[in-house]
Amino acid sequence: MKMDLLNNQIARWGLSLIQGYSHEKYWKRRERVVSGKGFFLWRAYYLLWIKRVDAKHLSSFGTNWGKGASFASPPLLPHGPNGIIVGHDVSIGRNVTICQQVTIMHGGGGNIGDNVLLGAGAKILPGVHIGDNAKIGANCVVVEDVPAGATCVLPKPRILT
């Protein structure tokens, strides 16, 4: 049991070195920066570290000095933070899964509920509210509110000539 835990920790550490992203470290540091608590120089260093990780992965989780997007719990990122953009005035619930290349635009204070799945490449426009337990399909552009428990997908692709 102890050996499995040790191997898992070593594997996560090695993966974080290769990817340049440690999930636990990122979200702990982000909390310190957004909350405005702690020593000024440490928060400045954490913000610099976060922005460098974001730049490497072409992502942004709405982190600004003393403010930013609110997360009830850190989101699940099955493919890492690659290409994920979250607006600075968005509110995101618990157990939200965000796949790669998702954009949640700022403006209008959008709200994402609990246990939501955002498929790869999904785009959520400003002011859109997504209910709890909703699923947004890959490459969907969501322009209106999605009720709780609903699934939002694109229509069948068609060829235009």
C-alpha atoms as a PDB file:
ATOM      1  CA  MET A   1       0.000   0.000   0.000  1.00  0.00           C
ATOM      2  CA  LYS A   2       2.758   2.446   0.945  1.00  0.00           C
ATOM      3  CA  MET A   3       4.793   1.496  -2.117  1.00  0.00           C
ATOM      4  CA  ASP A   4       1.815   2.130  -4.453  1.00  0.00           C
ATOM      5  CA  LEU A   5       1.318   5.578  -2.920  1.00  0.00           C
ATOM      6  CA  LEU A   6       5.031   6.342  -3.255  1.00  0.00           C
ATOM      7  CA  ASN A   7       5.085   5.173  -6.892  1.00  0.00           C
ATOM      8  CA  ASN A   8       2.002   7.302  -7.634  1.00  0.00           C
ATOM      9  CA  GLN A   9       3.613  10.398  -6.095  1.00  0.00           C
ATOM     10  CA  ILE A  10       6.826   9.814  -8.025  1.00  0.00           C
ATOM     11  CA  ALA A  11       4.856   9.326 -11.252  1.00  0.00           C
ATOM     12  CA  ARG A  12       2.917  12.589 -10.696  1.00  0.00           C
ATOM     13  CA  TRP A  13       6.149  14.439  -9.903  1.00  0.00           C
ATOM     14  CA  GLY A  14       7.823  13.087 -13.056  1.00  0.00           C
ATOM     15  CA  LEU A  15       4.793  13.947 -15.186  1.00  0.00           C
ATOM     16  CA  SER A  16       4.710  17.486 -13.777  1.00  0.00           C
ATOM     17  CA  LEU A  17       8.368  17.920 -14.761  1.00  0.00           C
ATOM     18  CA  ILE A  18       7.708  16.728 -18.308  1.00  0.00           C
ATOM     19  CA  GLN A  19       4.491  18.725 -18.813  1.00  0.00           C
ATOM     20  CA  GLY A  20       5.561  21.815 -16.878  1.00  0.00           C
ATOM     21  CA  TYR A  21       2.262  21.747 -14.963  1.00  0.00           C
ATOM     22  CA  SER A  22       1.510  20.458 -11.469  1.00  0.00           C
ATOM     23  CA  HIS A  23      -2.239  20.511 -10.819  1.00  0.00           C
ATOM     24  CA  GLU A  24      -1.996  20.722  -7.030  1.00  0.00           C
ATOM     25  CA  LYS A  25       0.722  23.388  -7.039  1.00  0.00           C
ATOM     26  CA  TYR A  26      -1.045  25.489  -9.688  1.00  0.00           C
ATOM     27  CA  TRP A  27      -4.385  25.622  -7.878  1.00  0.00           C
ATOM     28  CA  LYS A  28      -2.873  26.265  -4.428  1.00  0.00           C
ATOM     29  CA  ARG A  29      -0.846  29.156  -5.806  1.00  0.00           C
ATOM     30  CA  ARG A  30      -3.799  30.493  -7.781  1.00  0.00           C
ATOM     31  CA  GLU A  31      -5.904  30.564  -4.616  1.00  0.00           C
ATOM     32  CA  ARG A  32      -3.237  32.639  -2.829  1.00  0.00           C
ATOM     33  CA  VAL A  33      -3.019  35.143  -5.709  1.00  0.00           C
ATOM     34  CA  VAL A  34      -6.767  35.574  -6.204  1.00  0.00           C
ATOM     35  CA  SER A  35      -7.602  35.735  -2.475  1.00  0.00           C
ATOM     36  CA  GLY A  36      -5.071  38.506  -1.858  1.00  0.00           C
ATOM     37  CA  LYS A  37      -3.888  36.793   1.331  1.00  0.00           C
ATOM     38  CA  GLY A  38      -0.258  36.329   2.226  1.00  0.00           C
ATOM     39  CA  PHE A  39       2.998  38.185   1.784  1.00  0.00           C
ATOM     40  CA  PHE A  40       3.059  40.523  -1.218  1.00  0.00           C
ATOM     41  CA  LEU A  41       6.290  39.208  -2.746  1.00  0.00           C
ATOM     42  CA  TRP A  42       5.186  35.568  -2.525  1.00  0.00           C
ATOM     43  CA  ARG A  43       1.912  36.423  -4.263  1.00  0.00           C
ATOM     44  CA  ALA A  44       3.834  38.326  -6.962  1.00  0.00           C
ATOM     45  CA  TYR A  45       6.099  35.299  -7.486  1.00  0.00           C
ATOM     46  CA  TYR A  46       3.075  32.953  -7.631  1.00  0.00           C
ATOM     47  CA  LEU A  47       1.347  35.199 -10.186  1.00  0.00           C
ATOM     48  CA  LEU A  48       4.493  35.222 -12.339  1.00  0.00           C
ATOM     49  CA  TRP A  49       4.748  31.418 -12.048  1.00  0.00           C
ATOM     50  CA  ILE A  50       1.055  30.999 -12.987  1.00  0.00           C
ATOM     51  CA  LYS A  51       1.348  33.313 -15.997  1.00  0.00           C
ATOM     52  CA  ARG A  52       4.425  31.407 -17.232  1.00  0.00           C
ATOM     53  CA  VAL A  53       2.588  28.063 -16.947  1.00  0.00           C
ATOM     54  CA  ASP A  54      -0.424  29.602 -18.721  1.00  0.00           C
ATOM     55  CA  ALA A  55       1.769  30.943 -21.516  1.00  0.00           C
ATOM     56  CA  LYS A  56       3.459  27.566 -21.996  1.00  0.00           C
ATOM     57  CA  HIS A  57       0.082  25.843 -22.368  1.00  0.00           C
ATOM     58  CA  LEU A  58      -1.679  28.699 -24.220  1.00  0.00           C
ATOM     59  CA  SER A  59      -4.239  28.862 -21.425  1.00  0.00           C
ATOM     60  CA  SER A  60      -5.676  31.234 -18.833  1.00  0.00           C
ATOM     61  CA  PHE A  61      -7.908  30.506 -15.881  1.00  0.00           C
ATOM     62  CA  GLY A  62      -8.959  34.119 -15.345  1.00  0.00           C
ATOM     63  CA  THR A  63      -6.248  34.759 -12.767  1.00  0.00           C
ATOM     64  CA  ASN A  64      -5.662  38.407 -11.979  1.00  0.00           C
ATOM     65  CA  TRP A  65      -4.040  40.214  -9.077  1.00  0.00           C
ATOM     66  CA  GLY A  66      -6.491  39.922  -6.155  1.00  0.00           C
ATOM     67  CA  LYS A  67      -9.431  38.822  -8.317  1.00  0.00           C
ATOM     68  CA  GLY A  68     -10.394  36.411 -11.031  1.00  0.00           C
ATOM     69  CA  ALA A  69     -12.761  33.649 -12.061  1.00  0.00           C
ATOM     70  CA  SER A  70     -14.229  31.810  -9.096  1.00  0.00           C
ATOM     71  CA  PHE A  71     -13.949  28.030  -8.856  1.00  0.00           C
ATOM     72  CA  ALA A  72     -15.875  26.107  -6.154  1.00  0.00           C
ATOM     73  CA  SER A  73     -13.216  23.402  -6.523  1.00  0.00           C
ATOM     74  CA  PRO A  74     -10.334  23.000  -8.977  1.00  0.00           C
ATOM     75  CA  PRO A  75     -11.690  21.658 -12.282  1.00  0.00           C
ATOM     76  CA  LEU A  76     -10.787  18.243 -13.612  1.00  0.00           C
ATOM     77  CA  LEU A  77      -8.478  18.643 -16.603  1.00  0.00           C
ATOM     78  CA  PRO A  78      -8.119  15.228 -18.268  1.00  0.00           C
ATOM     79  CA  HIS A  79      -5.775  16.626 -20.955  1.00  0.00           C
ATOM     80  CA  GLY A  80      -4.036  19.229 -18.820  1.00  0.00           C
ATOM     81  CA  PRO A  81      -4.555  22.974 -19.227  1.00  0.00           C
ATOM     82  CA  ASN A  82      -3.879  22.971 -22.979  1.00  0.00           C
ATOM     83  CA  GLY A  83      -5.632  25.873 -24.685  1.00  0.00           C
ATOM     84  CA  ILE A  84      -8.257  26.444 -21.977  1.00  0.00           C
ATOM     85  CA  ILE A  85      -9.391  30.066 -21.611  1.00  0.00           C
ATOM     86  CA  VAL A  86     -11.677  31.150 -18.754  1.00  0.00           C
ATOM     87  CA  GLY A  87     -12.935  34.725 -18.433  1.00  0.00           C
ATOM     88  CA  HIS A  88     -12.122  36.644 -15.275  1.00  0.00           C
ATOM     89  CA  ASP A  89     -15.766  37.167 -14.208  1.00  0.00           C
ATOM     90  CA  VAL A  90     -16.980  33.568 -14.641  1.00  0.00           C
ATOM     91  CA  SER A  91     -18.235  31.407 -11.771  1.00  0.00           C
ATOM     92  CA  ILE A  92     -17.583  27.656 -12.017  1.00  0.00           C
ATOM     93  CA  GLY A  93     -19.069  24.993  -9.718  1.00  0.00           C
ATOM     94  CA  ARG A  94     -17.701  21.766  -8.233  1.00  0.00           C
ATOM     95  CA  ASN A  95     -16.480  18.699 -10.157  1.00  0.00           C
ATOM     96  CA  VAL A  96     -16.463  20.423 -13.536  1.00  0.00           C
ATOM     97  CA  THR A  97     -14.539  18.571 -16.241  1.00  0.00           C
ATOM     98  CA  ILE A  98     -12.919  20.816 -18.834  1.00  0.00           C
ATOM     99  CA  CYS A  99     -11.318  19.208 -21.882  1.00  0.00           C
ATOM    100  CA  GLN A 100      -8.685  20.864 -24.086  1.00  0.00           C
ATOM    101  CA  GLN A 101      -9.306  24.019 -26.160  1.00  0.00           C
ATOM    102  CA  VAL A 102     -12.413  25.124 -24.206  1.00  0.00           C
ATOM    103  CA  THR A 103     -13.184  28.854 -24.080  1.00  0.00           C
ATOM    104  CA  ILE A 104     -15.512  30.383 -21.493  1.00  0.00           C
ATOM    105  CA  MET A 105     -15.756  34.054 -22.434  1.00  0.00           C
ATOM    106  CA  HIS A 106     -15.848  36.898 -19.927  1.00  0.00           C
ATOM    107  CA  GLY A 107     -18.511  39.552 -19.873  1.00  0.00           C
ATOM    108  CA  GLY A 108     -21.983  39.137 -18.451  1.00  0.00           C
ATOM    109  CA  GLY A 109     -20.837  36.976 -15.543  1.00  0.00           C
ATOM    110  CA  GLY A 110     -21.452  33.491 -16.942  1.00  0.00           C
ATOM    111  CA  ASN A 111     -22.152  30.667 -14.519  1.00  0.00           C
ATOM    112  CA  ILE A 112     -21.238  26.990 -14.874  1.00  0.00           C
ATOM    113  CA  GLY A 113     -23.034  24.601 -12.478  1.00  0.00           C
ATOM    114  CA  ASP A 114     -21.766  21.553 -10.596  1.00  0.00           C
ATOM    115  CA  ASN A 115     -20.785  18.251 -12.291  1.00  0.00           C
ATOM    116  CA  VAL A 116     -20.686  19.785 -15.782  1.00  0.00           C
ATOM    117  CA  LEU A 117     -18.704  18.254 -18.658  1.00  0.00           C
ATOM    118  CA  LEU A 118     -17.303  20.668 -21.248  1.00  0.00           C
ATOM    119  CA  GLY A 119     -16.163  18.729 -24.321  1.00  0.00           C
ATOM    120  CA  ALA A 120     -13.051  19.503 -26.353  1.00  0.00           C
ATOM    121  CA  GLY A 121     -13.226  22.793 -28.220  1.00  0.00           C
ATOM    122  CA  ALA A 122     -16.497  23.973 -26.668  1.00  0.00           C
ATOM    123  CA  LYS A 123     -17.099  27.734 -26.640  1.00  0.00           C
ATOM    124  CA  ILE A 124     -19.350  29.329 -24.024  1.00  0.00           C
ATOM    125  CA  LEU A 125     -20.372  32.886 -24.942  1.00  0.00           C
ATOM    126  CA  PRO A 126     -20.659  35.738 -22.396  1.00  0.00           C
ATOM    127  CA  GLY A 127     -23.537  35.671 -19.926  1.00  0.00           C
ATOM    128  CA  VAL A 128     -24.522  32.050 -20.624  1.00  0.00           C
ATOM    129  CA  HIS A 129     -25.559  29.954 -17.628  1.00  0.00           C
ATOM    130  CA  ILE A 130     -25.103  26.171 -17.678  1.00  0.00           C
ATOM    131  CA  GLY A 131     -27.113  24.131 -15.163  1.00  0.00           C
ATOM    132  CA  ASP A 132     -25.889  21.347 -12.895  1.00  0.00           C
ATOM    133  CA  ASN A 133     -25.081  17.942 -14.455  1.00  0.00           C
ATOM    134  CA  ALA A 134     -25.169  19.328 -18.008  1.00  0.00           C
ATOM    135  CA  LYS A 135     -22.935  18.042 -20.798  1.00  0.00           C
ATOM    136  CA  ILE A 136     -21.607  20.212 -23.597  1.00  0.00           C
ATOM    137  CA  GLY A 137     -20.396  18.306 -26.663  1.00  0.00           C
ATOM    138  CA  ALA A 138     -17.140  18.795 -28.523  1.00  0.00           C
ATOM    139  CA  ASN A 139     -16.870  21.994 -30.587  1.00  0.00           C
ATOM    140  CA  CYS A 140     -20.264  23.307 -29.479  1.00  0.00           C
ATOM    141  CA  VAL A 141     -20.750  27.052 -29.475  1.00  0.00           C
ATOM    142  CA  VAL A 142     -23.218  27.698 -26.649  1.00  0.00           C
ATOM    143  CA  VAL A 143     -25.128  30.946 -27.190  1.00  0.00           C
ATOM    144  CA  GLU A 144     -28.048  30.454 -24.798  1.00  0.00           C
ATOM    145  CA  ASP A 145     -28.604  29.022 -21.339  1.00  0.00           C
ATOM    146  CA  VAL A 146     -28.461  25.240 -20.898  1.00  0.00           C
ATOM    147  CA  PRO A 147     -30.857  23.766 -18.297  1.00  0.00           C
ATOM    148  CA  ALA A 148     -29.748  21.354 -15.568  1.00  0.00           C
ATOM    149  CA  GLY A 149     -29.207  17.779 -16.757  1.00  0.00           C
ATOM    150  CA  ALA A 150     -29.334  18.695 -20.457  1.00  0.00           C
ATOM    151  CA  THR A 151     -26.896  17.638 -23.170  1.00  0.00           C
ATOM    152  CA  CYS A 152     -25.912  20.195 -25.799  1.00  0.00           C
ATOM    153  CA  VAL A 153     -24.443  18.928 -29.107  1.00  0.00           C
ATOM    154  CA  LEU A 154     -23.970  20.273 -32.601  1.00  0.00           C
ATOM    155  CA  PRO A 155     -26.283  19.219 -35.400  1.00  0.00           C
ATOM    156  CA  LYS A 156     -25.051  16.686 -37.924  1.00  0.00           C
ATOM    157  CA  PRO A 157     -22.268  18.135 -40.084  1.00  0.00           C
ATOM    158  CA  ARG A 158     -23.163  18.794 -43.699  1.00  0.00           C
ATOM    159  CA  ILE A 159     -21.189  19.549 -46.841  1.00  0.00           C
ATOM    160  CA  LEU A 160     -21.796  22.865 -48.547  1.00  0.00           C
ATOM    161  CA  THR A 161     -20.883  23.162 -52.224  1.00  0.00           C
END
